[in-house]
C-alpha atoms as a PDB file:
ATOM      1  CA  UNK A   1       0.007   0.014   0.010  1.00  0.00           C
ATOM      2  CA  UNK A   2       1.441   3.440  -1.071  1.00  0.00           C
ATOM      3  CA  UNK A   3       0.861   6.292   1.386  1.00  0.00           C
ATOM      4  CA  UNK A   4      -0.521   9.564  -0.040  1.00  0.00           C
ATOM      5  CA  UNK A   5       1.938  12.125  -1.093  1.00  0.00           C
ATOM      6  CA  UNK A   6      -0.101  15.154  -0.090  1.00  0.00           C
ATOM      7  CA  UNK A   7      -0.771  16.366  -3.486  1.00  0.00           C
ATOM      8  CA  UNK A   8       1.230  18.968  -5.544  1.00  0.00           C
ATOM      9  CA  UNK A   9       3.409  21.600  -3.843  1.00  0.00           C
ATOM     10  CA  UNK A  10       1.855  25.024  -3.894  1.00  0.00           C
ATOM     11  CA  UNK A  11       4.295  27.428  -5.843  1.00  0.00           C
ATOM     12  CA  UNK A  12       1.795  30.279  -6.388  1.00  0.00           C
ATOM     13  CA  UNK A  13       2.316  33.470  -4.354  1.00  0.00           C
ATOM     14  CA  UNK A  14      -0.625  35.015  -2.542  1.00  0.00           C
ATOM     15  CA  UNK A  15      -3.124  36.751  -4.758  1.00  0.00           C
ATOM     16  CA  UNK A  16      -4.675  40.203  -3.816  1.00  0.00           C
ATOM     17  CA  UNK A  17      -8.520  39.850  -3.710  1.00  0.00           C
ATOM     18  CA  UNK A  18      -9.591  43.383  -2.710  1.00  0.00           C
ATOM     19  CA  UNK A  19      -8.375  46.687  -1.521  1.00  0.00           C
ATOM     20  CA  UNK A  20     -10.390  48.944   0.578  1.00  0.00           C
ATOM     21  CA  UNK A  21      -9.317  52.647   1.276  1.00  0.00           C
ATOM     22  CA  UNK A  22     -10.822  54.574   4.155  1.00  0.00           C
ATOM     23  CA  UNK A  23     -10.073  58.250   5.279  1.00  0.00           C
ATOM     24  CA  UNK A  24      -9.934  59.121   9.020  1.00  0.00           C
ATOM     25  CA  UNK A  25      -9.960  62.637  10.810  1.00  0.00           C
ATOM     26  CA  UNK A  26     -10.518  64.871   8.008  1.00  0.00           C
ATOM     27  CA  UNK A  27      -8.277  63.072   5.583  1.00  0.00           C
ATOM     28  CA  UNK A  28      -5.154  63.305   7.783  1.00  0.00           C
ATOM     29  CA  UNK A  29      -5.010  59.627   8.158  1.00  0.00           C
ATOM     30  CA  UNK A  30      -5.468  57.153   5.304  1.00  0.00           C
ATOM     31  CA  UNK A  31      -5.877  53.410   5.870  1.00  0.00           C
ATOM     32  CA  UNK A  32      -5.560  50.821   3.002  1.00  0.00           C
ATOM     33  CA  UNK A  33      -6.765  47.323   3.759  1.00  0.00           C
ATOM     34  CA  UNK A  34      -5.540  44.726   1.442  1.00  0.00           C
ATOM     35  CA  UNK A  35      -7.141  41.218   1.475  1.00  0.00           C
ATOM     36  CA  UNK A  36      -5.489  38.200  -0.027  1.00  0.00           C
ATOM     37  CA  UNK A  37      -6.571  34.658  -0.890  1.00  0.00           C
ATOM     38  CA  UNK A  38      -4.398  33.009   1.900  1.00  0.00           C
ATOM     39  CA  UNK A  39      -2.580  33.805   5.022  1.00  0.00           C
ATOM     40  CA  UNK A  40       0.369  36.117   4.435  1.00  0.00           C
ATOM     41  CA  UNK A  41       3.605  37.049   6.194  1.00  0.00           C
ATOM     42  CA  UNK A  42       5.992  39.975   5.750  1.00  0.00           C
ATOM     43  CA  UNK A  43       9.142  39.310   3.810  1.00  0.00           C
ATOM     44  CA  UNK A  44      11.419  42.223   4.996  1.00  0.00           C
ATOM     45  CA  UNK A  45       8.465  44.474   4.246  1.00  0.00           C
ATOM     46  CA  UNK A  46      10.185  47.734   5.091  1.00  0.00           C
ATOM     47  CA  UNK A  47      13.190  47.026   2.904  1.00  0.00           C
ATOM     48  CA  UNK A  48      10.869  46.469  -0.113  1.00  0.00           C
ATOM     49  CA  UNK A  49       7.973  48.843   0.430  1.00  0.00           C
ATOM     50  CA  UNK A  50       8.160  52.444  -0.951  1.00  0.00           C
ATOM     51  CA  UNK A  51       5.782  54.979  -2.338  1.00  0.00           C
ATOM     52  CA  UNK A  52       5.830  57.655  -5.057  1.00  0.00           C
ATOM     53  CA  UNK A  53       5.482  60.402  -4.167  1.00  0.00           C
ATOM     54  CA  UNK A  54       7.464  59.488  -1.088  1.00  0.00           C
ATOM     55  CA  UNK A  55       5.475  58.955   2.132  1.00  0.00           C
ATOM     56  CA  UNK A  56       7.590  58.922   5.275  1.00  0.00           C
ATOM     57  CA  UNK A  57       5.054  58.481   8.163  1.00  0.00           C
ATOM     58  CA  UNK A  58       3.285  55.131   7.827  1.00  0.00           C
ATOM     59  CA  UNK A  59       2.680  51.978   9.889  1.00  0.00           C
ATOM     60  CA  UNK A  60       1.435  48.629   9.058  1.00  0.00           C
ATOM     61  CA  UNK A  61       0.359  45.254  10.544  1.00  0.00           C
ATOM     62  CA  UNK A  62      -0.757  41.894   9.181  1.00  0.00           C
ATOM     63  CA  UNK A  63      -3.557  39.676  10.488  1.00  0.00           C
ATOM     64  CA  UNK A  64      -4.148  36.345   8.765  1.00  0.00           C
ATOM     65  CA  UNK A  65      -4.731  37.173   5.118  1.00  0.00           C
ATOM     66  CA  UNK A  66      -5.145  40.883   5.504  1.00  0.00           C
ATOM     67  CA  UNK A  67      -2.561  43.811   5.449  1.00  0.00           C
ATOM     68  CA  UNK A  68      -3.503  46.976   7.283  1.00  0.00           C
ATOM     69  CA  UNK A  69      -1.449  49.994   6.054  1.00  0.00           C
ATOM     70  CA  UNK A  70      -1.991  53.316   7.794  1.00  0.00           C
ATOM     71  CA  UNK A  71      -0.581  56.519   6.274  1.00  0.00           C
ATOM     72  CA  UNK A  72      -0.251  59.161   8.861  1.00  0.00           C
ATOM     73  CA  UNK A  73       0.167  62.116   6.369  1.00  0.00           C
ATOM     74  CA  UNK A  74      -2.370  64.323   4.481  1.00  0.00           C
ATOM     75  CA  UNK A  75      -2.089  63.234   0.874  1.00  0.00           C
ATOM     76  CA  UNK A  76      -2.117  65.685  -1.993  1.00  0.00           C
ATOM     77  CA  UNK A  77      -5.404  65.179  -3.850  1.00  0.00           C
ATOM     78  CA  UNK A  78      -3.874  66.507  -7.028  1.00  0.00           C
ATOM     79  CA  UNK A  79      -1.361  63.597  -7.148  1.00  0.00           C
ATOM     80  CA  UNK A  80      -1.649  59.838  -7.877  1.00  0.00           C
ATOM     81  CA  UNK A  81       0.210  57.924  -5.300  1.00  0.00           C
ATOM     82  CA  UNK A  82       1.768  54.593  -6.086  1.00  0.00           C
ATOM     83  CA  UNK A  83       2.302  52.145  -3.306  1.00  0.00           C
ATOM     84  CA  UNK A  84       5.083  49.626  -4.186  1.00  0.00           C
ATOM     85  CA  UNK A  85       5.248  46.490  -2.197  1.00  0.00           C
ATOM     86  CA  UNK A  86       8.072  44.780  -4.086  1.00  0.00           C
ATOM     87  CA  UNK A  87       8.832  41.444  -2.662  1.00  0.00           C
ATOM     88  CA  UNK A  88       7.726  42.457   0.903  1.00  0.00           C
ATOM     89  CA  UNK A  89       4.989  39.773   1.208  1.00  0.00           C
ATOM     90  CA  UNK A  90       4.889  35.912   1.133  1.00  0.00           C
ATOM     91  CA  UNK A  91       2.422  33.132   1.830  1.00  0.00           C
ATOM     92  CA  UNK A  92       2.286  31.377   5.252  1.00  0.00           C
ATOM     93  CA  UNK A  93       3.063  27.884   4.309  1.00  0.00           C
ATOM     94  CA  UNK A  94       5.436  27.569   1.364  1.00  0.00           C
ATOM     95  CA  UNK A  95       6.914  31.048   1.648  1.00  0.00           C
ATOM     96  CA  UNK A  96       6.128  31.773  -2.059  1.00  0.00           C
ATOM     97  CA  UNK A  97       6.941  35.543  -2.476  1.00  0.00           C
ATOM     98  CA  UNK A  98       4.366  37.964  -4.072  1.00  0.00           C
ATOM     99  CA  UNK A  99       6.607  39.904  -6.413  1.00  0.00           C
ATOM    100  CA  UNK A 100       6.107  43.541  -7.714  1.00  0.00           C
ATOM    101  CA  UNK A 101       2.628  44.379  -6.117  1.00  0.00           C
ATOM    102  CA  UNK A 102       1.666  47.874  -6.551  1.00  0.00           C
ATOM    103  CA  UNK A 103      -1.546  49.851  -5.755  1.00  0.00           C
ATOM    104  CA  UNK A 104      -2.552  53.487  -6.926  1.00  0.00           C
ATOM    105  CA  UNK A 105      -4.398  55.843  -4.743  1.00  0.00           C
ATOM    106  CA  UNK A 106      -6.289  59.027  -5.668  1.00  0.00           C
ATOM    107  CA  UNK A 107      -7.045  57.787  -9.266  1.00  0.00           C
ATOM    108  CA  UNK A 108     -10.784  58.268  -8.870  1.00  0.00           C
ATOM    109  CA  UNK A 109     -10.680  61.437  -6.702  1.00  0.00           C
ATOM    110  CA  UNK A 110      -8.276  63.644  -8.731  1.00  0.00           C
ATOM    111  CA  UNK A 111      -9.264  67.254  -8.961  1.00  0.00           C
ATOM    112  CA  UNK A 112      -7.459  67.428 -12.343  1.00  0.00           C
ATOM    113  CA  UNK A 113      -8.218  65.420 -15.657  1.00  0.00           C
ATOM    114  CA  UNK A 114      -6.043  62.441 -16.221  1.00  0.00           C
ATOM    115  CA  UNK A 115      -5.574  63.845 -19.642  1.00  0.00           C
ATOM    116  CA  UNK A 116      -3.256  66.358 -18.031  1.00  0.00           C
ATOM    117  CA  UNK A 117      -0.998  63.584 -16.595  1.00  0.00           C
ATOM    118  CA  UNK A 118       1.952  61.986 -18.308  1.00  0.00           C
ATOM    119  CA  UNK A 119       3.822  58.640 -18.433  1.00  0.00           C
ATOM    120  CA  UNK A 120       7.533  58.183 -18.855  1.00  0.00           C
ATOM    121  CA  UNK A 121       9.897  55.167 -18.823  1.00  0.00           C
ATOM    122  CA  UNK A 122      13.541  54.824 -18.254  1.00  0.00           C
ATOM    123  CA  UNK A 123      16.162  52.380 -19.003  1.00  0.00           C
ATOM    124  CA  UNK A 124      19.203  52.200 -16.766  1.00  0.00           C
ATOM    125  CA  UNK A 125      22.477  50.477 -17.903  1.00  0.00           C
ATOM    126  CA  UNK A 126      25.949  50.180 -16.668  1.00  0.00           C
ATOM    127  CA  UNK A 127      28.027  52.877 -18.490  1.00  0.00           C
ATOM    128  CA  UNK A 128      30.983  50.519 -18.605  1.00  0.00           C
ATOM    129  CA  UNK A 129      29.755  47.388 -19.831  1.00  0.00           C
ATOM    130  CA  UNK A 130      26.098  48.351 -20.989  1.00  0.00           C
ATOM    131  CA  UNK A 131      24.504  45.659 -18.583  1.00  0.00           C
ATOM    132  CA  UNK A 132      20.916  46.328 -17.294  1.00  0.00           C
ATOM    133  CA  UNK A 133      20.983  47.812 -13.666  1.00  0.00           C
ATOM    134  CA  UNK A 134      18.382  45.884 -11.666  1.00  0.00           C
ATOM    135  CA  UNK A 135      17.313  47.452  -8.364  1.00  0.00           C
ATOM    136  CA  UNK A 136      18.396  50.944  -9.091  1.00  0.00           C
ATOM    137  CA  UNK A 137      16.301  53.913  -7.732  1.00  0.00           C
ATOM    138  CA  UNK A 138      15.054  56.432 -10.363  1.00  0.00           C
ATOM    139  CA  UNK A 139      14.389  59.671  -8.750  1.00  0.00           C
ATOM    140  CA  UNK A 140      12.649  62.722 -10.395  1.00  0.00           C
ATOM    141  CA  UNK A 141      12.942  66.164  -9.076  1.00  0.00           C
ATOM    142  CA  UNK A 142      10.897  69.210 -10.025  1.00  0.00           C
ATOM    143  CA  UNK A 143      13.598  71.275 -11.801  1.00  0.00           C
ATOM    144  CA  UNK A 144      12.494  74.568 -10.157  1.00  0.00           C
ATOM    145  CA  UNK A 145      13.080  72.994  -6.595  1.00  0.00           C
ATOM    146  CA  UNK A 146      16.340  71.401  -7.217  1.00  0.00           C
ATOM    147  CA  UNK A 147      19.417  72.200  -5.090  1.00  0.00           C
ATOM    148  CA  UNK A 148      21.626  69.121  -5.179  1.00  0.00           C
ATOM    149  CA  UNK A 149      24.085  70.627  -2.776  1.00  0.00           C
ATOM    150  CA  UNK A 150      21.593  69.628   0.035  1.00  0.00           C
ATOM    151  CA  UNK A 151      20.469  66.377  -1.572  1.00  0.00           C
ATOM    152  CA  UNK A 152      16.787  66.921  -1.405  1.00  0.00           C
ATOM    153  CA  UNK A 153      14.093  64.268  -1.275  1.00  0.00           C
ATOM    154  CA  UNK A 154      12.708  63.376  -4.625  1.00  0.00           C
ATOM    155  CA  UNK A 155       9.224  64.297  -5.896  1.00  0.00           C
ATOM    156  CA  UNK A 156       8.706  60.851  -7.467  1.00  0.00           C
ATOM    157  CA  UNK A 157      10.387  57.433  -7.130  1.00  0.00           C
ATOM    158  CA  UNK A 158      10.620  54.120  -8.967  1.00  0.00           C
ATOM    159  CA  UNK A 159      12.985  51.220  -8.940  1.00  0.00           C
ATOM    160  CA  UNK A 160      14.302  49.418 -11.973  1.00  0.00           C
ATOM    161  CA  UNK A 161      13.262  45.819 -12.722  1.00  0.00           C
ATOM    162  CA  UNK A 162      15.533  42.949 -13.832  1.00  0.00           C
ATOM    163  CA  UNK A 163      15.542  44.538 -17.454  1.00  0.00           C
ATOM    164  CA  UNK A 164      16.926  47.863 -15.933  1.00  0.00           C
ATOM    165  CA  UNK A 165      13.559  49.535 -16.641  1.00  0.00           C
ATOM    166  CA  UNK A 166      11.293  51.657 -14.510  1.00  0.00           C
ATOM    167  CA  UNK A 167       8.150  53.484 -15.378  1.00  0.00           C
ATOM    168  CA  UNK A 168       6.259  56.407 -14.101  1.00  0.00           C
ATOM    169  CA  UNK A 169       2.478  56.969 -14.512  1.00  0.00           C
ATOM    170  CA  UNK A 170       0.101  59.813 -13.814  1.00  0.00           C
ATOM    171  CA  UNK A 171       2.804  62.391 -13.502  1.00  0.00           C
ATOM    172  CA  UNK A 172       1.886  66.109 -13.515  1.00  0.00           C
ATOM    173  CA  UNK A 173       3.097  67.684 -16.811  1.00  0.00           C
ATOM    174  CA  UNK A 174       6.080  69.639 -15.490  1.00  0.00           C
ATOM    175  CA  UNK A 175       9.715  69.722 -16.083  1.00  0.00           C
ATOM    176  CA  UNK A 176      11.909  67.215 -14.070  1.00  0.00           C
ATOM    177  CA  UNK A 177      15.321  66.247 -13.572  1.00  0.00           C
ATOM    178  CA  UNK A 178      16.289  62.588 -13.156  1.00  0.00           C
ATOM    179  CA  UNK A 179      19.021  60.944 -11.084  1.00  0.00           C
ATOM    180  CA  UNK A 180      19.483  57.196 -10.629  1.00  0.00           C
ATOM    181  CA  UNK A 181      21.157  55.424  -7.595  1.00  0.00           C
ATOM    182  CA  UNK A 182      22.191  51.937  -6.760  1.00  0.00           C
ATOM    183  CA  UNK A 183      21.912  52.047  -2.998  1.00  0.00           C
ATOM    184  CA  UNK A 184      19.457  50.542  -0.448  1.00  0.00           C
ATOM    185  CA  UNK A 185      17.561  53.860  -0.287  1.00  0.00           C
ATOM    186  CA  UNK A 186      17.202  56.986  -2.417  1.00  0.00           C
ATOM    187  CA  UNK A 187      19.517  59.155  -0.333  1.00  0.00           C
ATOM    188  CA  UNK A 188      22.712  59.981  -2.318  1.00  0.00           C
ATOM    189  CA  UNK A 189      25.844  58.144  -0.896  1.00  0.00           C
ATOM    190  CA  UNK A 190      29.446  58.522  -2.254  1.00  0.00           C
ATOM    191  CA  UNK A 191      29.647  54.519  -2.609  1.00  0.00           C
ATOM    192  CA  UNK A 192      26.480  54.470  -4.816  1.00  0.00           C
ATOM    193  CA  UNK A 193      26.612  53.967  -8.580  1.00  0.00           C
ATOM    194  CA  UNK A 194      24.904  56.996  -9.939  1.00  0.00           C
ATOM    195  CA  UNK A 195      23.411  58.135 -13.268  1.00  0.00           C
ATOM    196  CA  UNK A 196      21.757  61.496 -14.276  1.00  0.00           C
ATOM    197  CA  UNK A 197      20.584  63.428 -17.155  1.00  0.00           C
ATOM    198  CA  UNK A 198      21.745  67.097 -17.651  1.00  0.00           C
ATOM    199  CA  UNK A 199      18.577  68.214 -19.407  1.00  0.00           C
ATOM    200  CA  UNK A 200      15.028  68.425 -18.127  1.00  0.00           C
ATOM    201  CA  UNK A 201      12.561  65.729 -19.147  1.00  0.00           C
ATOM    202  CA  UNK A 202      10.376  66.688 -22.063  1.00  0.00           C
ATOM    203  CA  UNK A 203       7.236  64.504 -22.294  1.00  0.00           C
ATOM    204  CA  UNK A 204       6.325  65.582 -25.834  1.00  0.00           C
ATOM    205  CA  UNK A 205       9.850  64.377 -26.985  1.00  0.00           C
ATOM    206  CA  UNK A 206      10.881  61.609 -24.599  1.00  0.00           C
ATOM    207  CA  UNK A 207       9.154  58.266 -24.274  1.00  0.00           C
ATOM    208  CA  UNK A 208      11.999  56.078 -23.037  1.00  0.00           C
ATOM    209  CA  UNK A 209      15.142  57.762 -21.571  1.00  0.00           C
ATOM    210  CA  UNK A 210      18.354  55.862 -21.389  1.00  0.00           C
ATOM    211  CA  UNK A 211      20.560  56.675 -18.168  1.00  0.00           C
ATOM    212  CA  UNK A 212      24.024  55.415 -17.902  1.00  0.00           C
ATOM    213  CA  UNK A 213      25.013  54.581 -14.440  1.00  0.00           C
ATOM    214  CA  UNK A 214      28.576  54.678 -13.138  1.00  0.00           C
ATOM    215  CA  UNK A 215      30.656  54.545  -9.958  1.00  0.00           C
ATOM    216  CA  UNK A 216      32.306  57.976  -9.252  1.00  0.00           C
ATOM    217  CA  UNK A 217      35.491  56.116  -7.929  1.00  0.00           C
ATOM    218  CA  UNK A 218      35.946  53.799 -10.781  1.00  0.00           C
ATOM    219  CA  UNK A 219      39.426  53.502 -12.189  1.00  0.00           C
ATOM    220  CA  UNK A 220      40.098  51.871 -15.670  1.00  0.00           C
ATOM    221  CA  UNK A 221      42.412  48.895 -15.727  1.00  0.00           C
ATOM    222  CA  UNK A 222      45.704  49.846 -17.356  1.00  0.00           C
ATOM    223  CA  UNK A 223      47.537  46.480 -16.727  1.00  0.00           C
ATOM    224  CA  UNK A 224      47.910  44.598 -19.926  1.00  0.00           C
ATOM    225  CA  UNK A 225      48.332  40.774 -19.540  1.00  0.00           C
ATOM    226  CA  UNK A 226      51.027  39.166 -21.803  1.00  0.00           C
ATOM    227  CA  UNK A 227      49.374  36.374 -23.818  1.00  0.00           C
ATOM    228  CA  UNK A 228      51.913  36.371 -26.585  1.00  0.00           C
ATOM    229  CA  UNK A 229      53.293  33.208 -28.046  1.00  0.00           C
ATOM    230  CA  UNK A 230      55.121  32.120 -31.162  1.00  0.00           C
ATOM    231  CA  UNK A 231      54.268  34.054 -34.252  1.00  0.00           C
ATOM    232  CA  UNK A 232      53.222  30.829 -36.012  1.00  0.00           C
ATOM    233  CA  UNK A 233      50.209  30.421 -33.749  1.00  0.00           C
ATOM    234  CA  UNK A 234      48.857  33.856 -33.869  1.00  0.00           C
ATOM    235  CA  UNK A 235      45.862  35.283 -35.662  1.00  0.00           C
ATOM    236  CA  UNK A 236      45.277  38.862 -36.814  1.00  0.00           C
ATOM    237  CA  UNK A 237      42.443  41.287 -35.930  1.00  0.00           C
ATOM    238  CA  UNK A 238      42.026  44.035 -38.424  1.00  0.00           C
ATOM    239  CA  UNK A 239      40.318  46.990 -36.621  1.00  0.00           C
ATOM    240  CA  UNK A 240      38.582  49.818 -38.373  1.00  0.00           C
ATOM    241  CA  UNK A 241      37.122  52.581 -36.159  1.00  0.00           C
ATOM    242  CA  UNK A 242      35.660  54.635 -39.011  1.00  0.00           C
ATOM    243  CA  UNK A 243      35.300  58.267 -38.431  1.00  0.00           C
ATOM    244  CA  UNK A 244      35.334  58.065 -34.581  1.00  0.00           C
ATOM    245  CA  UNK A 245      37.787  60.640 -33.277  1.00  0.00           C
ATOM    246  CA  UNK A 246      40.012  59.864 -30.246  1.00  0.00           C
ATOM    247  CA  UNK A 247      38.949  56.272 -30.112  1.00  0.00           C
ATOM    248  CA  UNK A 248      40.769  53.735 -27.854  1.00  0.00           C
ATOM    249  CA  UNK A 249      40.041  50.049 -28.489  1.00  0.00           C
ATOM    250  CA  UNK A 250      40.537  47.478 -25.605  1.00  0.00           C
ATOM    251  CA  UNK A 251      40.752  43.873 -26.433  1.00  0.00           C
ATOM    252  CA  UNK A 252      39.758  41.651 -23.553  1.00  0.00           C
ATOM    253  CA  UNK A 253      40.293  37.872 -23.004  1.00  0.00           C
ATOM    254  CA  UNK A 254      38.638  36.202 -20.057  1.00  0.00           C
ATOM    255  CA  UNK A 255      38.131  39.442 -18.328  1.00  0.00           C
ATOM    256  CA  UNK A 256      41.783  40.405 -18.646  1.00  0.00           C
ATOM    257  CA  UNK A 257      42.923  43.305 -20.750  1.00  0.00           C
ATOM    258  CA  UNK A 258      45.465  41.994 -23.374  1.00  0.00           C
ATOM    259  CA  UNK A 259      45.697  44.723 -25.869  1.00  0.00           C
ATOM    260  CA  UNK A 260      44.973  48.527 -26.007  1.00  0.00           C
ATOM    261  CA  UNK A 261      45.403  50.837 -29.107  1.00  0.00           C
ATOM    262  CA  UNK A 262      44.924  54.537 -30.012  1.00  0.00           C
ATOM    263  CA  UNK A 263      43.046  55.352 -33.337  1.00  0.00           C
ATOM    264  CA  UNK A 264      43.212  58.611 -35.062  1.00  0.00           C
ATOM    265  CA  UNK A 265      41.203  59.414 -38.298  1.00  0.00           C
ATOM    266  CA  UNK A 266      39.769  55.858 -38.534  1.00  0.00           C
ATOM    267  CA  UNK A 267      42.992  54.288 -39.632  1.00  0.00           C
ATOM    268  CA  UNK A 268      43.024  50.455 -39.908  1.00  0.00           C
ATOM    269  CA  UNK A 269      45.392  48.684 -37.455  1.00  0.00           C
ATOM    270  CA  UNK A 270      46.439  45.042 -37.312  1.00  0.00           C
ATOM    271  CA  UNK A 271      46.703  43.301 -33.904  1.00  0.00           C
ATOM    272  CA  UNK A 272      48.358  39.985 -33.432  1.00  0.00           C
ATOM    273  CA  UNK A 273      46.538  37.622 -30.949  1.00  0.00           C
ATOM    274  CA  UNK A 274      46.447  34.117 -29.781  1.00  0.00           C
ATOM    275  CA  UNK A 275      43.434  32.032 -30.985  1.00  0.00           C
ATOM    276  CA  UNK A 276      40.423  32.370 -28.834  1.00  0.00           C
ATOM    277  CA  UNK A 277      37.435  34.379 -28.058  1.00  0.00           C
ATOM    278  CA  UNK A 278      37.823  38.031 -27.309  1.00  0.00           C
ATOM    279  CA  UNK A 279      35.584  41.090 -26.116  1.00  0.00           C
ATOM    280  CA  UNK A 280      36.003  44.364 -27.978  1.00  0.00           C
ATOM    281  CA  UNK A 281      35.398  47.677 -26.231  1.00  0.00           C
ATOM    282  CA  UNK A 282      35.894  51.064 -27.843  1.00  0.00           C
ATOM    283  CA  UNK A 283      35.677  54.362 -25.881  1.00  0.00           C
ATOM    284  CA  UNK A 284      35.930  57.949 -26.723  1.00  0.00           C
ATOM    285  CA  UNK A 285      39.232  59.258 -25.009  1.00  0.00           C
ATOM    286  CA  UNK A 286      38.071  62.804 -24.605  1.00  0.00           C
ATOM    287  CA  UNK A 287      40.819  63.974 -22.435  1.00  0.00           C
ATOM    288  CA  UNK A 288      43.508  61.933 -24.275  1.00  0.00           C
ATOM    289  CA  UNK A 289      44.797  60.084 -21.080  1.00  0.00           C
ATOM    290  CA  UNK A 290      44.441  56.629 -22.769  1.00  0.00           C
ATOM    291  CA  UNK A 291      41.999  55.728 -19.962  1.00  0.00           C
ATOM    292  CA  UNK A 292      38.231  55.332 -19.755  1.00  0.00           C
ATOM    293  CA  UNK A 293      37.159  58.056 -17.346  1.00  0.00           C
ATOM    294  CA  UNK A 294      34.005  57.702 -15.205  1.00  0.00           C
ATOM    295  CA  UNK A 295      31.578  60.508 -14.745  1.00  0.00           C
ATOM    296  CA  UNK A 296      31.091  63.023 -11.883  1.00  0.00           C
ATOM    297  CA  UNK A 297      27.623  63.924 -10.505  1.00  0.00           C
ATOM    298  CA  UNK A 298      29.026  66.996  -8.661  1.00  0.00           C
ATOM    299  CA  UNK A 299      30.675  68.384 -11.768  1.00  0.00           C
ATOM    300  CA  UNK A 300      27.667  67.268 -13.907  1.00  0.00           C
ATOM    301  CA  UNK A 301      30.018  65.372 -16.140  1.00  0.00           C
ATOM    302  CA  UNK A 302      29.014  62.208 -17.985  1.00  0.00           C
ATOM    303  CA  UNK A 303      31.324  59.180 -18.336  1.00  0.00           C
ATOM    304  CA  UNK A 304      33.189  58.837 -21.613  1.00  0.00           C
ATOM    305  CA  UNK A 305      31.194  57.085 -24.281  1.00  0.00           C
ATOM    306  CA  UNK A 306      31.779  53.441 -24.707  1.00  0.00           C
ATOM    307  CA  UNK A 307      30.886  51.380 -27.773  1.00  0.00           C
ATOM    308  CA  UNK A 308      30.672  47.520 -26.982  1.00  0.00           C
ATOM    309  CA  UNK A 309      30.493  44.558 -29.468  1.00  0.00           C
ATOM    310  CA  UNK A 310      27.823  42.320 -28.244  1.00  0.00           C
ATOM    311  CA  UNK A 311      29.320  39.224 -29.885  1.00  0.00           C
ATOM    312  CA  UNK A 312      32.797  37.703 -29.021  1.00  0.00           C
ATOM    313  CA  UNK A 313      35.210  37.909 -31.605  1.00  0.00           C
ATOM    314  CA  UNK A 314      36.847  34.582 -32.594  1.00  0.00           C
ATOM    315  CA  UNK A 315      40.538  34.667 -33.581  1.00  0.00           C
ATOM    316  CA  UNK A 316      41.907  31.697 -35.488  1.00  0.00           C
ATOM    317  CA  UNK A 317      45.552  30.858 -35.967  1.00  0.00           C
ATOM    318  CA  UNK A 318      47.088  32.235 -39.137  1.00  0.00           C
ATOM    319  CA  UNK A 319      43.704  33.824 -40.037  1.00  0.00           C
ATOM    320  CA  UNK A 320      42.673  37.623 -40.543  1.00  0.00           C
ATOM    321  CA  UNK A 321      39.423  38.686 -38.833  1.00  0.00           C
ATOM    322  CA  UNK A 322      38.195  41.990 -39.918  1.00  0.00           C
ATOM    323  CA  UNK A 323      36.038  44.210 -37.598  1.00  0.00           C
ATOM    324  CA  UNK A 324      34.613  47.734 -37.921  1.00  0.00           C
ATOM    325  CA  UNK A 325      32.656  49.966 -35.545  1.00  0.00           C
ATOM    326  CA  UNK A 326      29.633  49.249 -37.603  1.00  0.00           C
ATOM    327  CA  UNK A 327      29.574  45.747 -36.290  1.00  0.00           C
ATOM    328  CA  UNK A 328      27.237  44.645 -33.509  1.00  0.00           C
END
């Protein structure tokens, strides 16, 4: 006789069934009651929960399958508030995490028309290797209130997903500056990777805005590893940087810098390399120091532009491989 196995393991996170919003004491306290389809527990709730616009004074408690969230501030009725729960809740038995839950407040009670509100999306990538930046803060500041010497609190906040993307909805049609941060909160820290845009956001022109994030203290690798061998085994890489001025090409093998070259007026250069797979990185050497220079938020200086080749370049023995900056 075979004992019962108890059925399939539940892998589904809790599902939100209903949301009820009530006002107390002349709108000075707002309570949101969220009911789920099973008993829930917090999952580092305070680490994951944030709001846009930022709400500082709030408290919460969980009872069985219900989350009670009390906001002890007067909300601006001209703004739509987004409550982002992130991965702050999970079910009681299996610990399945409810990911990326968000709720909007004031949608139905706005004094202004939704037609006067705007949407915008940001894409944040690492300035050095072009990889998507997950979990970075995207902060919007009304441009007429910005004084970054005092690092003000942002007017609107979002956080990037695993594609490096973050979206804002129902924004008032104003001019904003954007700053991105990599830290655990949206207070600027010297150790954070940071990105910014010098110009204000234009809703009529911009739909998705690319922001390049960088570490202010990054120092480019200048040590070249020696991979040379007998000439009979080497292959040749013929590089053409086209019309790019002040280009520096870095050739990388297994995350190690093996060759580095200056290019002026798009001349073609031949580089001898051992057979293998290589990454190619080109950057615009604006200050002619033969190094890739990171940016500076305080000086409002962007990092030097980098062009990456997405595909690895295969070098064969006694074989010429041609590559131009038009390659992808």
